[in-house]
Amino acid sequence: MGTSTAYGGPGGGTPLIPSWLGAGGGDSPSPSPDRDVPGGDGPAPPPGPPRRPPLPAPADPGRFTGARTSFTRFANSGGSDRVNLGRAVSRYVSTASGGARQAAQRMGASRGAGTRLLSFLSDAQARGVREALKTLNLESLAGLPIDQVFVGLAEHICPGAGTVDEGIAREAFIETIIELTTVGITDLDALTPDQMQTVFELYATHAIEARLCNDIGTKAITVPADARAALQVQKQLHDFIRNGVSDALSEARAATPNLTQDRIQSFVDTVYERSFAILQALGDAEADQ
C-alpha cells in the first residue's frame, strides 16, 4: 500500500519476536585460563563455550494463512467486503502475531521512531522549534516549511533502513510527511497539542499499515487490476487502522494528560499495544456483521 516496502512477507516458521529484539549486552565473561584456580594446585581449566540466550521456538508455520486468505478476499472485492477486512485484521493480531502485546513488540523500529518524533514535537512546543532543532545540531532547518524540516529530521527520527523493520519505520515517516498538508498542518512554530497528536496518529497508522501489508499483503495478495478499486482497498484499510489508532491515542492521552519527556517512551508503547487490541476488537465486530 502506498510506497510499501518490497518484501515477500515473513515465513510462517519464523519466531513471533526475533531473538535480538530488546536483547541485552554481550556474552557472559569466562574465567581467564592464565589464572590459577583459587585454592588449587594448577592452572584453571580452559573456558567453556559462552552462554547464549536460547533460540526462540519457531512459530506455527500456518499462522499467517487465515489472515492472508481473508485479506485476499477483501482485496479482490475492491474494498467492499468489510467482513473479510475485519477477519484479516483480527486474525493478524490474534493468530499471526500472537496477541496485541506481541504485535506491538514486533514494531520495534517504529516504536523507537515514534518516540523520537513525539519527543521532538514536545520539545518544540516547550522551548520553541529553533531550540529543539539546535539540540539536534539541525538549527539550519529553523524557519523552513514543515515538510522540509521533517525531511531534514528523517535521519534522527528513523536512522538506518537496513532491515525490514527499519524500512517500515522510514516509509511510515515519509508517508506522514506527504500527508501533513492534507490535514492542514503547515506551521511547525504554531503546532497545537491536538495537531501534535494528529502527527503522531498519522505516523503510527502508516507504520501499522506498512507492517500488516508486509506481513500478509505483499506475497499472497493480487491487488485489483482496476486502479480505482485498488485505491478503495487502500483507503478502507488505512481508515480502519487510523480509527483504531485514534481511539488508542485518545485513551492514552486521558490517562497521561501531562506528557513529559520521561513518559514518552511508555506512552508510545501503550498506544501501539492498545491500537492492536482495539483493531482486533473492531475486526471481530466487522466479522460478526
Protein backbone atom coordinates (compact mmCIF):
# COMPACT_ATOMS: atom_id res chain seq x y z
CA MET A 1 0.00 0.00 0.00
CA GLY A 2 1.35 3.46 -0.82
CA THR A 3 5.10 3.06 -1.06
CA SER A 4 5.11 -0.25 0.78
CA THR A 5 8.47 -1.91 1.22
CA ALA A 6 9.22 -4.56 -1.39
CA TYR A 7 9.24 -7.63 0.82
CA GLY A 8 7.74 -11.05 0.29
CA GLY A 9 6.32 -11.42 3.76
CA PRO A 10 7.75 -13.48 6.61
CA GLY A 11 7.89 -17.23 6.53
CA GLY A 12 5.43 -18.91 8.84
CA GLY A 13 8.13 -20.68 10.85
CA THR A 14 9.97 -17.53 11.90
CA PRO A 15 9.70 -16.61 15.59
CA LEU A 16 6.93 -14.23 16.62
CA ILE A 17 9.52 -11.98 18.29
CA PRO A 18 13.11 -12.04 16.92
CA SER A 19 15.68 -13.18 19.49
CA TRP A 20 17.67 -9.94 19.04
CA LEU A 21 14.76 -7.60 19.70
CA GLY A 22 15.35 -5.96 23.05
CA ALA A 23 18.34 -8.19 23.75
CA GLY A 24 20.81 -7.17 26.43
CA GLY A 25 24.57 -6.97 26.40
CA GLY A 26 27.22 -9.36 25.18
CA ASP A 27 28.24 -12.82 26.25
CA SER A 28 28.92 -13.67 29.88
CA PRO A 29 32.62 -13.35 30.78
CA SER A 30 34.58 -16.56 31.13
CA PRO A 31 37.41 -17.16 33.58
CA SER A 32 40.88 -16.48 32.24
CA PRO A 33 42.92 -19.60 31.51
CA ASP A 34 46.05 -17.81 32.80
CA ARG A 35 44.81 -17.57 36.35
CA ASP A 36 45.19 -20.27 38.94
CA VAL A 37 42.09 -21.81 40.44
CA PRO A 38 41.71 -20.30 43.93
CA GLY A 39 42.91 -22.84 46.44
CA GLY A 40 44.08 -25.22 43.70
CA ASP A 41 47.45 -26.52 42.64
CA GLY A 42 47.36 -25.83 38.94
CA PRO A 43 46.09 -23.52 36.20
CA ALA A 44 42.40 -23.03 35.63
CA PRO A 45 40.76 -25.26 33.04
CA PRO A 46 40.14 -23.72 29.62
CA PRO A 47 36.94 -21.71 29.42
CA GLY A 48 33.83 -23.40 28.14
CA PRO A 49 31.71 -22.03 25.31
CA PRO A 50 29.97 -18.73 26.08
CA ARG A 51 26.42 -18.96 27.33
CA ARG A 52 23.94 -17.57 24.87
CA PRO A 53 20.21 -17.00 25.22
CA PRO A 54 18.16 -19.91 23.93
CA LEU A 55 16.78 -19.58 20.43
CA PRO A 56 13.07 -18.78 20.40
CA ALA A 57 10.85 -21.67 19.43
CA PRO A 58 9.65 -21.48 15.82
CA ALA A 59 6.11 -20.21 15.49
CA ASP A 60 3.25 -22.06 13.86
CA PRO A 61 4.13 -22.16 10.13
CA GLY A 62 0.47 -21.68 9.21
CA ARG A 63 -0.23 -18.71 11.43
CA PHE A 64 -0.45 -16.22 8.53
CA THR A 65 -2.77 -18.35 6.41
CA GLY A 66 -6.11 -17.20 7.81
CA ALA A 67 -5.23 -13.51 7.74
CA ARG A 68 -3.80 -13.74 4.20
CA THR A 69 -6.84 -15.61 2.91
CA SER A 70 -9.26 -13.07 4.38
CA PHE A 71 -7.22 -10.13 3.14
CA THR A 72 -7.07 -11.61 -0.35
CA ARG A 73 -10.86 -11.85 -0.40
CA PHE A 74 -11.14 -8.27 0.84
CA ALA A 75 -8.70 -7.01 -1.81
CA ASN A 76 -10.43 -8.94 -4.59
CA SER A 77 -13.75 -7.35 -3.59
CA GLY A 78 -12.35 -3.95 -4.44
CA GLY A 79 -12.68 -2.84 -0.82
CA SER A 80 -16.38 -3.64 -0.38
CA ASP A 81 -16.00 -6.82 1.70
CA ARG A 82 -15.78 -5.34 5.19
CA VAL A 83 -16.38 -8.75 6.79
CA ASN A 84 -13.14 -10.13 5.39
CA LEU A 85 -11.30 -6.89 6.18
CA GLY A 86 -12.32 -7.37 9.79
CA ARG A 87 -11.35 -11.03 9.77
CA ALA A 88 -7.97 -10.27 8.20
CA VAL A 89 -7.06 -7.65 10.80
CA SER A 90 -8.40 -9.64 13.74
CA ARG A 91 -6.61 -12.82 12.67
CA TYR A 92 -3.43 -10.88 12.02
CA VAL A 93 -3.36 -9.62 15.62
CA SER A 94 -4.67 -12.70 17.40
CA THR A 95 -3.19 -15.59 15.40
CA ALA A 96 -0.40 -14.32 13.16
CA SER A 97 1.12 -12.04 15.81
CA GLY A 98 0.17 -13.85 18.99
CA GLY A 99 -1.88 -11.02 20.51
CA ALA A 100 -1.75 -7.24 20.87
CA ARG A 101 1.33 -7.15 23.09
CA GLN A 102 3.47 -9.24 20.77
CA ALA A 103 2.16 -7.39 17.72
CA ALA A 104 3.33 -4.15 19.35
CA GLN A 105 6.71 -5.66 20.25
CA ARG A 106 7.27 -6.52 16.58
CA MET A 107 7.06 -2.77 15.82
CA GLY A 108 10.47 -2.17 17.40
CA ALA A 109 11.90 0.40 14.97
CA SER A 110 8.53 2.12 14.53
CA ARG A 111 8.07 2.47 18.28
CA GLY A 112 11.55 3.96 18.54
CA ALA A 113 10.88 6.37 15.68
CA GLY A 114 7.50 7.32 17.16
CA THR A 115 9.18 8.08 20.48
CA ARG A 116 11.80 10.31 18.84
CA LEU A 117 9.12 12.08 16.76
CA LEU A 118 6.90 12.77 19.76
CA SER A 119 9.90 13.81 21.85
CA PHE A 120 10.95 16.37 19.24
CA LEU A 121 7.42 17.76 18.86
CA SER A 122 7.04 18.01 22.64
CA ASP A 123 10.38 19.81 22.93
CA ALA A 124 9.47 22.16 20.08
CA GLN A 125 6.26 23.09 21.89
CA ALA A 126 8.00 23.62 25.21
CA ARG A 127 11.13 25.54 24.09
CA GLY A 128 10.43 26.55 20.50
CA VAL A 129 11.32 24.93 17.19
CA ARG A 130 14.73 26.61 16.87
CA GLU A 131 15.90 25.43 20.29
CA ALA A 132 14.61 21.90 19.68
CA LEU A 133 16.47 21.77 16.36
CA LYS A 134 19.59 23.25 17.93
CA THR A 135 19.70 20.34 20.38
CA LEU A 136 19.97 18.01 17.37
CA ASN A 137 22.54 20.20 15.56
CA LEU A 138 19.89 20.97 12.95
CA GLU A 139 19.37 24.67 13.67
CA SER A 140 19.77 25.44 9.96
CA LEU A 141 16.31 23.92 9.40
CA ALA A 142 14.61 26.58 11.53
CA GLY A 143 12.20 28.72 9.55
CA LEU A 144 11.81 26.26 6.67
CA PRO A 145 8.40 24.85 5.68
CA ILE A 146 7.28 21.96 7.87
CA ASP A 147 7.78 19.31 5.19
CA GLN A 148 11.41 20.40 4.66
CA VAL A 149 12.03 20.37 8.42
CA PHE A 150 10.66 16.85 8.68
CA VAL A 151 12.75 15.66 5.73
CA GLY A 152 15.79 17.08 7.49
CA LEU A 153 14.78 15.22 10.65
CA ALA A 154 14.48 11.86 8.89
CA GLU A 155 17.90 10.56 9.89
CA HIS A 156 17.24 11.43 13.52
CA ILE A 157 13.67 10.09 13.65
CA CYS A 158 14.30 6.83 11.79
CA PRO A 159 18.04 6.13 11.46
CA GLY A 160 19.06 3.23 9.27
CA ALA A 161 16.94 1.28 6.82
CA GLY A 162 18.87 -1.97 6.57
CA THR A 163 16.16 -4.24 7.97
CA VAL A 164 12.51 -4.63 7.04
CA ASP A 165 11.54 -3.21 10.43
CA GLU A 166 13.70 -0.11 9.89
CA GLY A 167 12.40 0.24 6.34
CA ILE A 168 8.83 0.22 7.61
CA ALA A 169 9.65 2.93 10.15
CA ARG A 170 11.20 5.15 7.48
CA GLU A 171 8.41 4.52 4.97
CA ALA A 172 5.82 5.47 7.58
CA PHE A 173 7.65 8.73 8.29
CA ILE A 174 7.80 9.61 4.58
CA GLU A 175 4.08 8.89 4.20
CA THR A 176 3.42 11.10 7.22
CA ILE A 177 5.32 13.99 5.66
CA ILE A 178 3.29 13.63 2.47
CA GLU A 179 0.00 13.66 4.39
CA LEU A 180 0.77 16.64 6.66
CA THR A 181 -0.52 19.33 4.32
CA THR A 182 -3.69 17.38 3.52
CA VAL A 183 -4.73 17.56 7.19
CA GLY A 184 -3.95 21.26 7.45
CA ILE A 185 -0.70 21.08 9.45
CA THR A 186 1.61 23.60 7.81
CA ASP A 187 3.19 25.70 10.60
CA LEU A 188 5.52 23.88 12.99
CA ASP A 189 6.01 27.02 15.10
CA ALA A 190 2.27 27.22 15.78
CA LEU A 191 1.74 23.49 16.39
CA THR A 192 -1.07 22.86 18.91
CA PRO A 193 -1.32 19.83 21.24
CA ASP A 194 -4.13 18.45 19.08
CA GLN A 195 -2.01 18.83 15.94
CA MET A 196 0.89 17.12 17.69
CA GLN A 197 -1.46 14.22 18.42
CA THR A 198 -2.51 14.17 14.77
CA VAL A 199 1.10 13.97 13.55
CA PHE A 200 1.81 11.01 15.81
CA GLU A 201 -1.53 9.41 14.88
CA LEU A 202 -0.63 9.62 11.19
CA TYR A 203 2.79 8.11 11.84
CA ALA A 204 1.55 5.18 13.93
CA THR A 205 -1.22 4.49 11.40
CA HIS A 206 1.21 4.34 8.48
CA ALA A 207 3.63 2.17 10.48
CA ILE A 208 0.97 -0.40 11.42
CA GLU A 209 -0.44 -0.38 7.89
CA ALA A 210 3.00 -0.99 6.38
CA ARG A 211 3.75 -3.76 8.90
CA LEU A 212 0.46 -5.52 8.16
CA CYS A 213 0.87 -5.21 4.39
CA ASN A 214 4.44 -6.52 4.53
CA ASP A 215 3.35 -9.48 6.63
CA ILE A 216 0.17 -10.55 4.85
CA GLY A 217 -0.35 -8.27 1.88
CA THR A 218 2.68 -8.47 -0.42
CA LYS A 219 3.27 -12.08 -1.35
CA ALA A 220 -0.22 -13.52 -1.13
CA ILE A 221 -2.49 -10.82 -2.48
CA THR A 222 -3.34 -9.83 -6.02
CA VAL A 223 -4.39 -6.18 -5.96
CA PRO A 224 -7.45 -5.40 -8.12
CA ALA A 225 -6.50 -4.56 -11.69
CA ASP A 226 -8.82 -1.55 -11.65
CA ALA A 227 -6.92 1.44 -10.25
CA ARG A 228 -9.97 2.91 -8.55
CA ALA A 229 -10.70 -0.40 -6.84
CA ALA A 230 -7.09 -0.62 -5.67
CA LEU A 231 -7.28 2.88 -4.19
CA GLN A 232 -10.51 1.94 -2.44
CA VAL A 233 -8.83 -1.12 -0.91
CA GLN A 234 -6.00 1.06 0.37
CA LYS A 235 -8.36 3.73 1.71
CA GLN A 236 -10.57 1.23 3.53
CA LEU A 237 -7.57 -0.39 5.21
CA HIS A 238 -5.95 2.94 6.08
CA ASP A 239 -9.13 4.38 7.58
CA PHE A 240 -9.79 1.18 9.52
CA ILE A 241 -6.33 1.27 11.10
CA ARG A 242 -6.45 5.00 11.77
CA ASN A 243 -9.74 4.65 13.65
CA GLY A 244 -8.10 2.10 15.95
CA VAL A 245 -5.01 4.24 16.48
CA SER A 246 -7.12 7.34 17.14
CA ASP A 247 -9.13 5.55 19.84
CA ALA A 248 -5.95 4.19 21.44
CA LEU A 249 -4.31 7.62 21.39
CA SER A 250 -7.36 9.26 22.98
CA GLU A 251 -7.30 6.68 25.78
CA ALA A 252 -3.58 7.21 26.34
CA ARG A 253 -3.94 10.99 26.45
CA ALA A 254 -6.73 10.72 29.01
CA ALA A 255 -4.51 8.52 31.18
CA THR A 256 -1.43 10.74 30.71
CA PRO A 257 -2.65 14.33 30.24
CA ASN A 258 0.78 15.81 31.07
CA LEU A 259 3.19 14.14 28.68
CA THR A 260 6.70 14.81 29.97
CA GLN A 261 9.87 13.67 28.22
CA ASP A 262 10.43 10.80 30.64
CA ARG A 263 6.96 9.41 29.94
CA ILE A 264 7.04 9.49 26.15
CA GLN A 265 8.53 6.01 25.63
CA SER A 266 5.93 4.27 27.81
CA PHE A 267 3.20 6.43 26.23
CA VAL A 268 4.20 5.32 22.73
CA ASP A 269 4.43 1.66 23.77
CA THR A 270 0.95 1.89 25.29
CA VAL A 271 -0.52 3.46 22.16
CA TYR A 272 0.83 0.72 19.91
CA GLU A 273 -0.36 -2.10 22.17
CA ARG A 274 -3.80 -0.53 22.66
CA SER A 275 -4.05 0.11 18.91
CA PHE A 276 -3.61 -3.57 18.13
CA ALA A 277 -6.08 -4.57 20.85
CA ILE A 278 -8.69 -2.13 19.52
CA LEU A 279 -8.04 -3.21 15.92
CA GLN A 280 -8.66 -6.83 16.90
CA ALA A 281 -11.92 -5.84 18.61
CA LEU A 282 -13.02 -3.72 15.62
CA GLY A 283 -12.14 -6.57 13.29
CA ASP A 284 -14.20 -9.02 15.32
CA ALA A 285 -17.14 -6.60 15.24
CA GLU A 286 -16.93 -6.30 11.44
CA ALA A 287 -16.66 -10.07 11.03
CA ASP A 288 -19.77 -10.65 13.14
CA GLN A 289 -21.98 -8.46 10.99
